[in-house]
């Protein structure tokens, strides 16, 4: 949905502990830039 429509459960651990990891990049012309590099880093962070 839009950012104002999508709701998150109260008990998601992110609310209490910031318990998670993220990644980010830019997208242009429908392509996620350097997608594989960012996915590799994301899965590494989650594993740690």
ModelCIF file with pLDDT and N, C-alpha, C, O atoms, coordinates in Angstrom:
data_MODEL
#
_entry.id   MODEL 
#
_entity.id                         1 
_entity.type                       polymer 
_entity.pdbx_number_of_molecules   1 
#
_entity_poly.entity_id                      1 
_entity_poly.type                           'polypeptide(L)' 
_entity_poly.nstd_linkage                   no 
_entity_poly.nstd_monomer                   no 
_entity_poly.pdbx_seq_one_letter_code       
;(UNK)(UNK)(UNK)(UNK)(UNK)(UNK)(UNK)(UNK)(UNK)(UNK)(UNK)(UNK)(UNK)(UNK)(UNK)(UNK)
(UNK)(UNK)(UNK)(UNK)(UNK)(UNK)(UNK)(UNK)(UNK)(UNK)(UNK)(UNK)(UNK)(UNK)(UNK)(UNK)
(UNK)(UNK)(UNK)(UNK)(UNK)(UNK)(UNK)(UNK)(UNK)(UNK)(UNK)(UNK)(UNK)(UNK)(UNK)(UNK)
;
_entity_poly.pdbx_seq_one_letter_code_can   XXXXXXXXXXXXXXXXXXXXXXXXXXXXXXXXXXXXXXXXXXXXXXXX 
_entity_poly.pdbx_strand_id                 A 
#
loop_
_entity_poly_seq.entity_id 
_entity_poly_seq.num 
_entity_poly_seq.mon_id 
_entity_poly_seq.hetero 
1 1  UNK n 
1 2  UNK n 
1 3  UNK n 
1 4  UNK n 
1 5  UNK n 
1 6  UNK n 
1 7  UNK n 
1 8  UNK n 
1 9  UNK n 
1 10 UNK n 
1 11 UNK n 
1 12 UNK n 
1 13 UNK n 
1 14 UNK n 
1 15 UNK n 
1 16 UNK n 
1 17 UNK n 
1 18 UNK n 
1 19 UNK n 
1 20 UNK n 
1 21 UNK n 
1 22 UNK n 
1 23 UNK n 
1 24 UNK n 
1 25 UNK n 
1 26 UNK n 
1 27 UNK n 
1 28 UNK n 
1 29 UNK n 
1 30 UNK n 
1 31 UNK n 
1 32 UNK n 
1 33 UNK n 
1 34 UNK n 
1 35 UNK n 
1 36 UNK n 
1 37 UNK n 
1 38 UNK n 
1 39 UNK n 
1 40 UNK n 
1 41 UNK n 
1 42 UNK n 
1 43 UNK n 
1 44 UNK n 
1 45 UNK n 
1 46 UNK n 
1 47 UNK n 
1 48 UNK n 
#
_struct_asym.id          A 
_struct_asym.entity_id   1 
#
loop_
_ma_qa_metric.id 
_ma_qa_metric.mode 
_ma_qa_metric.name 
_ma_qa_metric.software_group_id 
_ma_qa_metric.type 
1 global pLDDT . pLDDT 
2 local  pLDDT . pLDDT 
#
_ma_qa_metric_global.metric_id      1 
_ma_qa_metric_global.metric_value   96.77 
_ma_qa_metric_global.model_id       1 
_ma_qa_metric_global.ordinal_id     1 
#
loop_
_ma_qa_metric_local.label_asym_id 
_ma_qa_metric_local.label_comp_id 
_ma_qa_metric_local.label_seq_id 
_ma_qa_metric_local.metric_id 
_ma_qa_metric_local.metric_value 
_ma_qa_metric_local.model_id 
_ma_qa_metric_local.ordinal_id 
A UNK 1  2 97.00 1 1  
A UNK 2  2 97.00 1 2  
A UNK 3  2 97.00 1 3  
A UNK 4  2 96.00 1 4  
A UNK 5  2 97.00 1 5  
A UNK 6  2 97.00 1 6  
A UNK 7  2 97.00 1 7  
A UNK 8  2 97.00 1 8  
A UNK 9  2 97.00 1 9  
A UNK 10 2 97.00 1 10 
A UNK 11 2 97.00 1 11 
A UNK 12 2 97.00 1 12 
A UNK 13 2 96.00 1 13 
A UNK 14 2 96.00 1 14 
A UNK 15 2 95.00 1 15 
A UNK 16 2 94.00 1 16 
A UNK 17 2 95.00 1 17 
A UNK 18 2 95.00 1 18 
A UNK 19 2 96.00 1 19 
A UNK 20 2 97.00 1 20 
A UNK 21 2 97.00 1 21 
A UNK 22 2 98.00 1 22 
A UNK 23 2 98.00 1 23 
A UNK 24 2 98.00 1 24 
A UNK 25 2 98.00 1 25 
A UNK 26 2 97.00 1 26 
A UNK 27 2 97.00 1 27 
A UNK 28 2 95.00 1 28 
A UNK 29 2 93.00 1 29 
A UNK 30 2 94.00 1 30 
A UNK 31 2 96.00 1 31 
A UNK 32 2 98.00 1 32 
A UNK 33 2 97.00 1 33 
A UNK 34 2 98.00 1 34 
A UNK 35 2 98.00 1 35 
A UNK 36 2 98.00 1 36 
A UNK 37 2 98.00 1 37 
A UNK 38 2 98.00 1 38 
A UNK 39 2 98.00 1 39 
A UNK 40 2 98.00 1 40 
A UNK 41 2 98.00 1 41 
A UNK 42 2 98.00 1 42 
A UNK 43 2 98.00 1 43 
A UNK 44 2 97.00 1 44 
A UNK 45 2 97.00 1 45 
A UNK 46 2 97.00 1 46 
A UNK 47 2 96.00 1 47 
A UNK 48 2 95.00 1 48 
#
loop_
_atom_site.group_PDB 
_atom_site.id 
_atom_site.type_symbol 
_atom_site.label_atom_id 
_atom_site.label_alt_id 
_atom_site.label_comp_id 
_atom_site.label_asym_id 
_atom_site.label_entity_id 
_atom_site.label_seq_id 
_atom_site.pdbx_PDB_ins_code 
_atom_site.Cartn_x 
_atom_site.Cartn_y 
_atom_site.Cartn_z 
_atom_site.occupancy 
_atom_site.B_iso_or_equiv 
_atom_site.pdbx_formal_charge 
_atom_site.auth_seq_id 
_atom_site.auth_comp_id 
_atom_site.auth_asym_id 
_atom_site.auth_atom_id 
_atom_site.pdbx_PDB_model_num 
ATOM 1   N N  . UNK A 1 1  ? 0.836  -1.185  0.000   1.00 97.00 ? 1  UNK A N  1 
ATOM 2   C CA . UNK A 1 1  ? 0.000  0.000   0.000   1.00 97.00 ? 1  UNK A CA 1 
ATOM 3   C C  . UNK A 1 1  ? 0.870  1.234   0.000   1.00 97.00 ? 1  UNK A C  1 
ATOM 4   O O  . UNK A 1 1  ? 2.068  1.151   -0.273  1.00 97.00 ? 1  UNK A O  1 
ATOM 5   N N  . UNK A 1 2  ? 0.284  2.381   0.303   1.00 97.00 ? 2  UNK A N  1 
ATOM 6   C CA . UNK A 1 2  ? 1.067  3.595   0.468   1.00 97.00 ? 2  UNK A CA 1 
ATOM 7   C C  . UNK A 1 2  ? 1.695  3.569   1.861   1.00 97.00 ? 2  UNK A C  1 
ATOM 8   O O  . UNK A 1 2  ? 1.255  2.791   2.708   1.00 97.00 ? 2  UNK A O  1 
ATOM 9   N N  . UNK A 1 3  ? 2.710  4.397   2.123   1.00 97.00 ? 3  UNK A N  1 
ATOM 10  C CA . UNK A 1 3  ? 3.316  4.414   3.459   1.00 97.00 ? 3  UNK A CA 1 
ATOM 11  C C  . UNK A 1 3  ? 2.334  4.730   4.580   1.00 97.00 ? 3  UNK A C  1 
ATOM 12  O O  . UNK A 1 3  ? 2.548  4.304   5.715   1.00 97.00 ? 3  UNK A O  1 
ATOM 13  N N  . UNK A 1 4  ? 1.274  5.459   4.293   1.00 96.00 ? 4  UNK A N  1 
ATOM 14  C CA . UNK A 1 4  ? 0.296  5.764   5.337   1.00 96.00 ? 4  UNK A CA 1 
ATOM 15  C C  . UNK A 1 4  ? -0.743 4.660   5.518   1.00 96.00 ? 4  UNK A C  1 
ATOM 16  O O  . UNK A 1 4  ? -1.463 4.646   6.516   1.00 96.00 ? 4  UNK A O  1 
ATOM 17  N N  . UNK A 1 5  ? -0.826 3.739   4.564   1.00 97.00 ? 5  UNK A N  1 
ATOM 18  C CA . UNK A 1 5  ? -1.824 2.673   4.637   1.00 97.00 ? 5  UNK A CA 1 
ATOM 19  C C  . UNK A 1 5  ? -1.302 1.410   5.322   1.00 97.00 ? 5  UNK A C  1 
ATOM 20  O O  . UNK A 1 5  ? -2.053 0.736   6.028   1.00 97.00 ? 5  UNK A O  1 
ATOM 21  N N  . UNK A 1 6  ? -0.037 1.086   5.122   1.00 97.00 ? 6  UNK A N  1 
ATOM 22  C CA . UNK A 1 6  ? 0.498  -0.187  5.606   1.00 97.00 ? 6  UNK A CA 1 
ATOM 23  C C  . UNK A 1 6  ? 0.756  -0.105  7.105   1.00 97.00 ? 6  UNK A C  1 
ATOM 24  O O  . UNK A 1 6  ? 1.466  0.789   7.567   1.00 97.00 ? 6  UNK A O  1 
ATOM 25  N N  . UNK A 1 7  ? 0.187  -1.025  7.860   1.00 97.00 ? 7  UNK A N  1 
ATOM 26  C CA . UNK A 1 7  ? 0.297  -1.037  9.319   1.00 97.00 ? 7  UNK A CA 1 
ATOM 27  C C  . UNK A 1 7  ? 1.245  -2.154  9.775   1.00 97.00 ? 7  UNK A C  1 
ATOM 28  O O  . UNK A 1 7  ? 1.376  -3.187  9.117   1.00 97.00 ? 7  UNK A O  1 
ATOM 29  N N  . UNK A 1 8  ? 1.900  -1.920  10.917  1.00 97.00 ? 8  UNK A N  1 
ATOM 30  C CA . UNK A 1 8  ? 2.867  -2.870  11.476  1.00 97.00 ? 8  UNK A CA 1 
ATOM 31  C C  . UNK A 1 8  ? 2.372  -3.316  12.849  1.00 97.00 ? 8  UNK A C  1 
ATOM 32  O O  . UNK A 1 8  ? 1.945  -2.471  13.636  1.00 97.00 ? 8  UNK A O  1 
ATOM 33  N N  . UNK A 1 9  ? 2.412  -4.621  13.170  1.00 97.00 ? 9  UNK A N  1 
ATOM 34  C CA . UNK A 1 9  ? 1.951  -5.097  14.478  1.00 97.00 ? 9  UNK A CA 1 
ATOM 35  C C  . UNK A 1 9  ? 2.723  -4.449  15.629  1.00 97.00 ? 9  UNK A C  1 
ATOM 36  O O  . UNK A 1 9  ? 3.927  -4.211  15.531  1.00 97.00 ? 9  UNK A O  1 
ATOM 37  N N  . UNK A 1 10 ? 2.021  -4.177  16.696  1.00 97.00 ? 10 UNK A N  1 
ATOM 38  C CA . UNK A 1 10 ? 2.624  -3.534  17.873  1.00 97.00 ? 10 UNK A CA 1 
ATOM 39  C C  . UNK A 1 10 ? 3.792  -4.343  18.408  1.00 97.00 ? 10 UNK A C  1 
ATOM 40  O O  . UNK A 1 10 ? 4.790  -3.766  18.838  1.00 97.00 ? 10 UNK A O  1 
ATOM 41  N N  . UNK A 1 11 ? 3.690  -5.669  18.391  1.00 97.00 ? 11 UNK A N  1 
ATOM 42  C CA . UNK A 1 11 ? 4.709  -6.525  18.991  1.00 97.00 ? 11 UNK A CA 1 
ATOM 43  C C  . UNK A 1 11 ? 5.874  -6.862  18.058  1.00 97.00 ? 11 UNK A C  1 
ATOM 44  O O  . UNK A 1 11 ? 6.704  -7.710  18.384  1.00 97.00 ? 11 UNK A O  1 
ATOM 45  N N  . UNK A 1 12 ? 5.937  -6.200  16.899  1.00 97.00 ? 12 UNK A N  1 
ATOM 46  C CA . UNK A 1 12 ? 7.140  -6.391  16.088  1.00 97.00 ? 12 UNK A CA 1 
ATOM 47  C C  . UNK A 1 12 ? 8.338  -5.917  16.912  1.00 97.00 ? 12 UNK A C  1 
ATOM 48  O O  . UNK A 1 12 ? 8.315  -4.815  17.460  1.00 97.00 ? 12 UNK A O  1 
ATOM 49  N N  . UNK A 1 13 ? 9.372  -6.734  17.002  1.00 96.00 ? 13 UNK A N  1 
ATOM 50  C CA . UNK A 1 13 ? 10.502 -6.438  17.881  1.00 96.00 ? 13 UNK A CA 1 
ATOM 51  C C  . UNK A 1 13 ? 11.247 -5.156  17.519  1.00 96.00 ? 13 UNK A C  1 
ATOM 52  O O  . UNK A 1 13 ? 12.023 -4.639  18.322  1.00 96.00 ? 13 UNK A O  1 
ATOM 53  N N  . UNK A 1 14 ? 11.014 -4.645  16.315  1.00 96.00 ? 14 UNK A N  1 
ATOM 54  C CA . UNK A 1 14 ? 11.662 -3.391  15.939  1.00 96.00 ? 14 UNK A CA 1 
ATOM 55  C C  . UNK A 1 14 ? 11.237 -2.251  16.860  1.00 96.00 ? 14 UNK A C  1 
ATOM 56  O O  . UNK A 1 14 ? 12.019 -1.335  17.117  1.00 96.00 ? 14 UNK A O  1 
ATOM 57  N N  . UNK A 1 15 ? 9.988  -2.304  17.362  1.00 95.00 ? 15 UNK A N  1 
ATOM 58  C CA . UNK A 1 15 ? 9.476  -1.215  18.186  1.00 95.00 ? 15 UNK A CA 1 
ATOM 59  C C  . UNK A 1 15 ? 10.171 -1.146  19.541  1.00 95.00 ? 15 UNK A C  1 
ATOM 60  O O  . UNK A 1 15 ? 10.334 -0.061  20.098  1.00 95.00 ? 15 UNK A O  1 
ATOM 61  N N  . UNK A 1 16 ? 10.576 -2.283  20.069  1.00 94.00 ? 16 UNK A N  1 
ATOM 62  C CA . UNK A 1 16 ? 11.163 -2.314  21.405  1.00 94.00 ? 16 UNK A CA 1 
ATOM 63  C C  . UNK A 1 16 ? 12.693 -2.292  21.379  1.00 94.00 ? 16 UNK A C  1 
ATOM 64  O O  . UNK A 1 16 ? 13.323 -1.728  22.274  1.00 94.00 ? 16 UNK A O  1 
ATOM 65  N N  . UNK A 1 17 ? 13.284 -2.902  20.359  1.00 95.00 ? 17 UNK A N  1 
ATOM 66  C CA . UNK A 1 17 ? 14.732 -3.113  20.392  1.00 95.00 ? 17 UNK A CA 1 
ATOM 67  C C  . UNK A 1 17 ? 15.462 -2.624  19.142  1.00 95.00 ? 17 UNK A C  1 
ATOM 68  O O  . UNK A 1 17 ? 16.688 -2.711  19.078  1.00 95.00 ? 17 UNK A O  1 
ATOM 69  N N  . UNK A 1 18 ? 14.736 -2.112  18.149  1.00 95.00 ? 18 UNK A N  1 
ATOM 70  C CA . UNK A 1 18 ? 15.397 -1.821  16.877  1.00 95.00 ? 18 UNK A CA 1 
ATOM 71  C C  . UNK A 1 18 ? 16.024 -3.081  16.313  1.00 95.00 ? 18 UNK A C  1 
ATOM 72  O O  . UNK A 1 18 ? 17.106 -3.044  15.728  1.00 95.00 ? 18 UNK A O  1 
ATOM 73  N N  . UNK A 1 19 ? 15.329 -4.201  16.495  1.00 96.00 ? 19 UNK A N  1 
ATOM 74  C CA . UNK A 1 19 ? 15.894 -5.523  16.267  1.00 96.00 ? 19 UNK A CA 1 
ATOM 75  C C  . UNK A 1 19 ? 15.774 -5.898  14.794  1.00 96.00 ? 19 UNK A C  1 
ATOM 76  O O  . UNK A 1 19 ? 14.798 -6.523  14.380  1.00 96.00 ? 19 UNK A O  1 
ATOM 77  N N  . UNK A 1 20 ? 16.762 -5.515  14.020  1.00 97.00 ? 20 UNK A N  1 
ATOM 78  C CA . UNK A 1 20 ? 16.715 -5.835  12.602  1.00 97.00 ? 20 UNK A CA 1 
ATOM 79  C C  . UNK A 1 20 ? 17.887 -5.227  11.865  1.00 97.00 ? 20 UNK A C  1 
ATOM 80  O O  . UNK A 1 20 ? 18.768 -4.619  12.474  1.00 97.00 ? 20 UNK A O  1 
ATOM 81  N N  . UNK A 1 21 ? 17.897 -5.391  10.554  1.00 97.00 ? 21 UNK A N  1 
ATOM 82  C CA . UNK A 1 21 ? 18.931 -4.798  9.714   1.00 97.00 ? 21 UNK A CA 1 
ATOM 83  C C  . UNK A 1 21 ? 18.290 -4.378  8.401   1.00 97.00 ? 21 UNK A C  1 
ATOM 84  O O  . UNK A 1 21 ? 17.164 -4.768  8.093   1.00 97.00 ? 21 UNK A O  1 
ATOM 85  N N  . UNK A 1 22 ? 19.008 -3.590  7.645   1.00 98.00 ? 22 UNK A N  1 
ATOM 86  C CA . UNK A 1 22 ? 18.412 -3.034  6.427   1.00 98.00 ? 22 UNK A CA 1 
ATOM 87  C C  . UNK A 1 22 ? 19.455 -2.883  5.348   1.00 98.00 ? 22 UNK A C  1 
ATOM 88  O O  . UNK A 1 22 ? 20.647 -3.084  5.582   1.00 98.00 ? 22 UNK A O  1 
ATOM 89  N N  . UNK A 1 23 ? 18.996 -2.526  4.158   1.00 98.00 ? 23 UNK A N  1 
ATOM 90  C CA . UNK A 1 23 ? 19.881 -2.087  3.087   1.00 98.00 ? 23 UNK A CA 1 
ATOM 91  C C  . UNK A 1 23 ? 19.098 -1.123  2.208   1.00 98.00 ? 23 UNK A C  1 
ATOM 92  O O  . UNK A 1 23 ? 17.875 -1.030  2.305   1.00 98.00 ? 23 UNK A O  1 
ATOM 93  N N  . UNK A 1 24 ? 19.808 -0.416  1.359   1.00 98.00 ? 24 UNK A N  1 
ATOM 94  C CA . UNK A 1 24 ? 19.159 0.609   0.542   1.00 98.00 ? 24 UNK A CA 1 
ATOM 95  C C  . UNK A 1 24 ? 20.021 0.940   -0.651  1.00 98.00 ? 24 UNK A C  1 
ATOM 96  O O  . UNK A 1 24 ? 21.245 0.818   -0.610  1.00 98.00 ? 24 UNK A O  1 
ATOM 97  N N  . UNK A 1 25 ? 19.360 1.362   -1.720  1.00 98.00 ? 25 UNK A N  1 
ATOM 98  C CA . UNK A 1 25 ? 20.050 1.803   -2.923  1.00 98.00 ? 25 UNK A CA 1 
ATOM 99  C C  . UNK A 1 25 ? 19.091 2.704   -3.695  1.00 98.00 ? 25 UNK A C  1 
ATOM 100 O O  . UNK A 1 25 ? 18.093 3.167   -3.143  1.00 98.00 ? 25 UNK A O  1 
ATOM 101 N N  . UNK A 1 26 ? 19.381 2.947   -4.933  1.00 97.00 ? 26 UNK A N  1 
ATOM 102 C CA . UNK A 1 26 ? 18.446 3.687   -5.779  1.00 97.00 ? 26 UNK A CA 1 
ATOM 103 C C  . UNK A 1 26 ? 17.975 2.768   -6.893  1.00 97.00 ? 26 UNK A C  1 
ATOM 104 O O  . UNK A 1 26 ? 18.620 1.772   -7.222  1.00 97.00 ? 26 UNK A O  1 
ATOM 105 N N  . UNK A 1 27 ? 16.842 3.128   -7.459  1.00 97.00 ? 27 UNK A N  1 
ATOM 106 C CA . UNK A 1 27 ? 16.316 2.406   -8.602  1.00 97.00 ? 27 UNK A CA 1 
ATOM 107 C C  . UNK A 1 27 ? 16.051 3.385   -9.721  1.00 97.00 ? 27 UNK A C  1 
ATOM 108 O O  . UNK A 1 27 ? 15.568 4.490   -9.475  1.00 97.00 ? 27 UNK A O  1 
ATOM 109 N N  . UNK A 1 28 ? 16.356 2.999   -10.942 1.00 95.00 ? 28 UNK A N  1 
ATOM 110 C CA . UNK A 1 28 ? 16.120 3.867   -12.094 1.00 95.00 ? 28 UNK A CA 1 
ATOM 111 C C  . UNK A 1 28 ? 15.678 3.023   -13.268 1.00 95.00 ? 28 UNK A C  1 
ATOM 112 O O  . UNK A 1 28 ? 16.203 1.936   -13.509 1.00 95.00 ? 28 UNK A O  1 
ATOM 113 N N  . UNK A 1 29 ? 14.697 3.544   -13.998 1.00 93.00 ? 29 UNK A N  1 
ATOM 114 C CA . UNK A 1 29 ? 14.166 2.813   -15.158 1.00 93.00 ? 29 UNK A CA 1 
ATOM 115 C C  . UNK A 1 29 ? 13.733 1.401   -14.793 1.00 93.00 ? 29 UNK A C  1 
ATOM 116 O O  . UNK A 1 29 ? 13.880 0.477   -15.593 1.00 93.00 ? 29 UNK A O  1 
ATOM 117 N N  . UNK A 1 30 ? 13.200 1.231   -13.587 1.00 94.00 ? 30 UNK A N  1 
ATOM 118 C CA . UNK A 1 30 ? 12.704 -0.065  -13.157 1.00 94.00 ? 30 UNK A CA 1 
ATOM 119 C C  . UNK A 1 30 ? 13.774 -1.049  -12.744 1.00 94.00 ? 30 UNK A C  1 
ATOM 120 O O  . UNK A 1 30 ? 13.468 -2.220  -12.517 1.00 94.00 ? 30 UNK A O  1 
ATOM 121 N N  . UNK A 1 31 ? 15.042 -0.610  -12.636 1.00 96.00 ? 31 UNK A N  1 
ATOM 122 C CA . UNK A 1 31 ? 16.140 -1.483  -12.229 1.00 96.00 ? 31 UNK A CA 1 
ATOM 123 C C  . UNK A 1 31 ? 16.670 -1.047  -10.864 1.00 96.00 ? 31 UNK A C  1 
ATOM 124 O O  . UNK A 1 31 ? 16.889 0.141   -10.627 1.00 96.00 ? 31 UNK A O  1 
ATOM 125 N N  . UNK A 1 32 ? 16.873 -2.010  -9.975  1.00 98.00 ? 32 UNK A N  1 
ATOM 126 C CA . UNK A 1 32 ? 17.458 -1.738  -8.664  1.00 98.00 ? 32 UNK A CA 1 
ATOM 127 C C  . UNK A 1 32 ? 18.970 -1.714  -8.837  1.00 98.00 ? 32 UNK A C  1 
ATOM 128 O O  . UNK A 1 32 ? 19.569 -2.724  -9.208  1.00 98.00 ? 32 UNK A O  1 
ATOM 129 N N  . UNK A 1 33 ? 19.589 -0.571  -8.571  1.00 97.00 ? 33 UNK A N  1 
ATOM 130 C CA . UNK A 1 33 ? 21.006 -0.403  -8.867  1.00 97.00 ? 33 UNK A CA 1 
ATOM 131 C C  . UNK A 1 33 ? 21.883 -1.260  -7.957  1.00 97.00 ? 33 UNK A C  1 
ATOM 132 O O  . UNK A 1 33 ? 21.736 -1.239  -6.734  1.00 97.00 ? 33 UNK A O  1 
ATOM 133 N N  . UNK A 1 34 ? 22.797 -2.014  -8.571  1.00 98.00 ? 34 UNK A N  1 
ATOM 134 C CA . UNK A 1 34 ? 23.733 -2.901  -7.875  1.00 98.00 ? 34 UNK A CA 1 
ATOM 135 C C  . UNK A 1 34 ? 22.993 -3.845  -6.932  1.00 98.00 ? 34 UNK A C  1 
ATOM 136 O O  . UNK A 1 34 ? 23.392 -4.044  -5.785  1.00 98.00 ? 34 UNK A O  1 
ATOM 137 N N  . UNK A 1 35 ? 21.922 -4.411  -7.435  1.00 98.00 ? 35 UNK A N  1 
ATOM 138 C CA . UNK A 1 35 ? 21.024 -5.235  -6.627  1.00 98.00 ? 35 UNK A CA 1 
ATOM 139 C C  . UNK A 1 35 ? 21.750 -6.376  -5.928  1.00 98.00 ? 35 UNK A C  1 
ATOM 140 O O  . UNK A 1 35 ? 21.568 -6.575  -4.727  1.00 98.00 ? 35 UNK A O  1 
ATOM 141 N N  . UNK A 1 36 ? 22.570 -7.128  -6.657  1.00 98.00 ? 36 UNK A N  1 
ATOM 142 C CA . UNK A 1 36 ? 23.209 -8.305  -6.066  1.00 98.00 ? 36 UNK A CA 1 
ATOM 143 C C  . UNK A 1 36 ? 24.155 -7.916  -4.936  1.00 98.00 ? 36 UNK A C  1 
ATOM 144 O O  . UNK A 1 36 ? 24.218 -8.595  -3.911  1.00 98.00 ? 36 UNK A O  1 
ATOM 145 N N  . UNK A 1 37 ? 24.889 -6.819  -5.124  1.00 98.00 ? 37 UNK A N  1 
ATOM 146 C CA . UNK A 1 37 ? 25.797 -6.347  -4.064  1.00 98.00 ? 37 UNK A CA 1 
ATOM 147 C C  . UNK A 1 37 ? 25.026 -6.033  -2.784  1.00 98.00 ? 37 UNK A C  1 
ATOM 148 O O  . UNK A 1 37 ? 25.444 -6.405  -1.687  1.00 98.00 ? 37 UNK A O  1 
ATOM 149 N N  . UNK A 1 38 ? 23.909 -5.350  -2.936  1.00 98.00 ? 38 UNK A N  1 
ATOM 150 C CA . UNK A 1 38 ? 23.118 -4.955  -1.768  1.00 98.00 ? 38 UNK A CA 1 
ATOM 151 C C  . UNK A 1 38 ? 22.453 -6.157  -1.115  1.00 98.00 ? 38 UNK A C  1 
ATOM 152 O O  . UNK A 1 38 ? 22.363 -6.227  0.110   1.00 98.00 ? 38 UNK A O  1 
ATOM 153 N N  . UNK A 1 39 ? 21.987 -7.104  -1.923  1.00 98.00 ? 39 UNK A N  1 
ATOM 154 C CA . UNK A 1 39 ? 21.406 -8.318  -1.351  1.00 98.00 ? 39 UNK A CA 1 
ATOM 155 C C  . UNK A 1 39 ? 22.454 -9.110  -0.579  1.00 98.00 ? 39 UNK A C  1 
ATOM 156 O O  . UNK A 1 39 ? 22.167 -9.634  0.498   1.00 98.00 ? 39 UNK A O  1 
ATOM 157 N N  . UNK A 1 40 ? 23.660 -9.200  -1.117  1.00 98.00 ? 40 UNK A N  1 
ATOM 158 C CA . UNK A 1 40 ? 24.727 -9.933  -0.430  1.00 98.00 ? 40 UNK A CA 1 
ATOM 159 C C  . UNK A 1 40 ? 25.001 -9.308  0.943   1.00 98.00 ? 40 UNK A C  1 
ATOM 160 O O  . UNK A 1 40 ? 25.126 -10.022 1.938   1.00 98.00 ? 40 UNK A O  1 
ATOM 161 N N  . UNK A 1 41 ? 25.093 -7.990  0.993   1.00 98.00 ? 41 UNK A N  1 
ATOM 162 C CA . UNK A 1 41 ? 25.356 -7.317  2.265   1.00 98.00 ? 41 UNK A CA 1 
ATOM 163 C C  . UNK A 1 41 ? 24.186 -7.485  3.228   1.00 98.00 ? 41 UNK A C  1 
ATOM 164 O O  . UNK A 1 41 ? 24.386 -7.669  4.429   1.00 98.00 ? 41 UNK A O  1 
ATOM 165 N N  . UNK A 1 42 ? 22.976 -7.424  2.705   1.00 98.00 ? 42 UNK A N  1 
ATOM 166 C CA . UNK A 1 42 ? 21.773 -7.571  3.530   1.00 98.00 ? 42 UNK A CA 1 
ATOM 167 C C  . UNK A 1 42 ? 21.733 -8.945  4.194   1.00 98.00 ? 42 UNK A C  1 
ATOM 168 O O  . UNK A 1 42 ? 21.483 -9.047  5.395   1.00 98.00 ? 42 UNK A O  1 
ATOM 169 N N  . UNK A 1 43 ? 21.976 -9.996  3.424   1.00 98.00 ? 43 UNK A N  1 
ATOM 170 C CA . UNK A 1 43 ? 21.936 -11.348 3.982   1.00 98.00 ? 43 UNK A CA 1 
ATOM 171 C C  . UNK A 1 43 ? 23.101 -11.579 4.937   1.00 98.00 ? 43 UNK A C  1 
ATOM 172 O O  . UNK A 1 43 ? 22.970 -12.345 5.892   1.00 98.00 ? 43 UNK A O  1 
ATOM 173 N N  . UNK A 1 44 ? 24.232 -10.935 4.696   1.00 97.00 ? 44 UNK A N  1 
ATOM 174 C CA . UNK A 1 44 ? 25.355 -11.035 5.629   1.00 97.00 ? 44 UNK A CA 1 
ATOM 175 C C  . UNK A 1 44 ? 25.013 -10.396 6.957   1.00 97.00 ? 44 UNK A C  1 
ATOM 176 O O  . UNK A 1 44 ? 25.288 -10.971 8.010   1.00 97.00 ? 44 UNK A O  1 
ATOM 177 N N  . UNK A 1 45 ? 24.407 -9.195  6.926   1.00 97.00 ? 45 UNK A N  1 
ATOM 178 C CA . UNK A 1 45 ? 24.003 -8.514  8.162   1.00 97.00 ? 45 UNK A CA 1 
ATOM 179 C C  . UNK A 1 45 ? 23.017 -9.367  8.951   1.00 97.00 ? 45 UNK A C  1 
ATOM 180 O O  . UNK A 1 45 ? 23.150 -9.519  10.165  1.00 97.00 ? 45 UNK A O  1 
ATOM 181 N N  . UNK A 1 46 ? 22.021 -9.925  8.251   1.00 97.00 ? 46 UNK A N  1 
ATOM 182 C CA . UNK A 1 46 ? 21.010 -10.739 8.927   1.00 97.00 ? 46 UNK A CA 1 
ATOM 183 C C  . UNK A 1 46 ? 21.642 -11.981 9.559   1.00 97.00 ? 46 UNK A C  1 
ATOM 184 O O  . UNK A 1 46 ? 21.270 -12.369 10.666  1.00 97.00 ? 46 UNK A O  1 
ATOM 185 N N  . UNK A 1 47 ? 22.584 -12.599 8.872   1.00 96.00 ? 47 UNK A N  1 
ATOM 186 C CA . UNK A 1 47 ? 23.250 -13.787 9.408   1.00 96.00 ? 47 UNK A CA 1 
ATOM 187 C C  . UNK A 1 47 ? 24.027 -13.444 10.668  1.00 96.00 ? 47 UNK A C  1 
ATOM 188 O O  . UNK A 1 47 ? 24.010 -14.213 11.629  1.00 96.00 ? 47 UNK A O  1 
ATOM 189 N N  . UNK A 1 48 ? 24.710 -12.304 10.680  1.00 95.00 ? 48 UNK A N  1 
ATOM 190 C CA . UNK A 1 48 ? 25.471 -11.886 11.859  1.00 95.00 ? 48 UNK A CA 1 
ATOM 191 C C  . UNK A 1 48 ? 24.561 -11.613 13.055  1.00 95.00 ? 48 UNK A C  1 
ATOM 192 O O  . UNK A 1 48 ? 25.044 -11.251 14.128  1.00 95.00 ? 48 UNK A O  1 
#
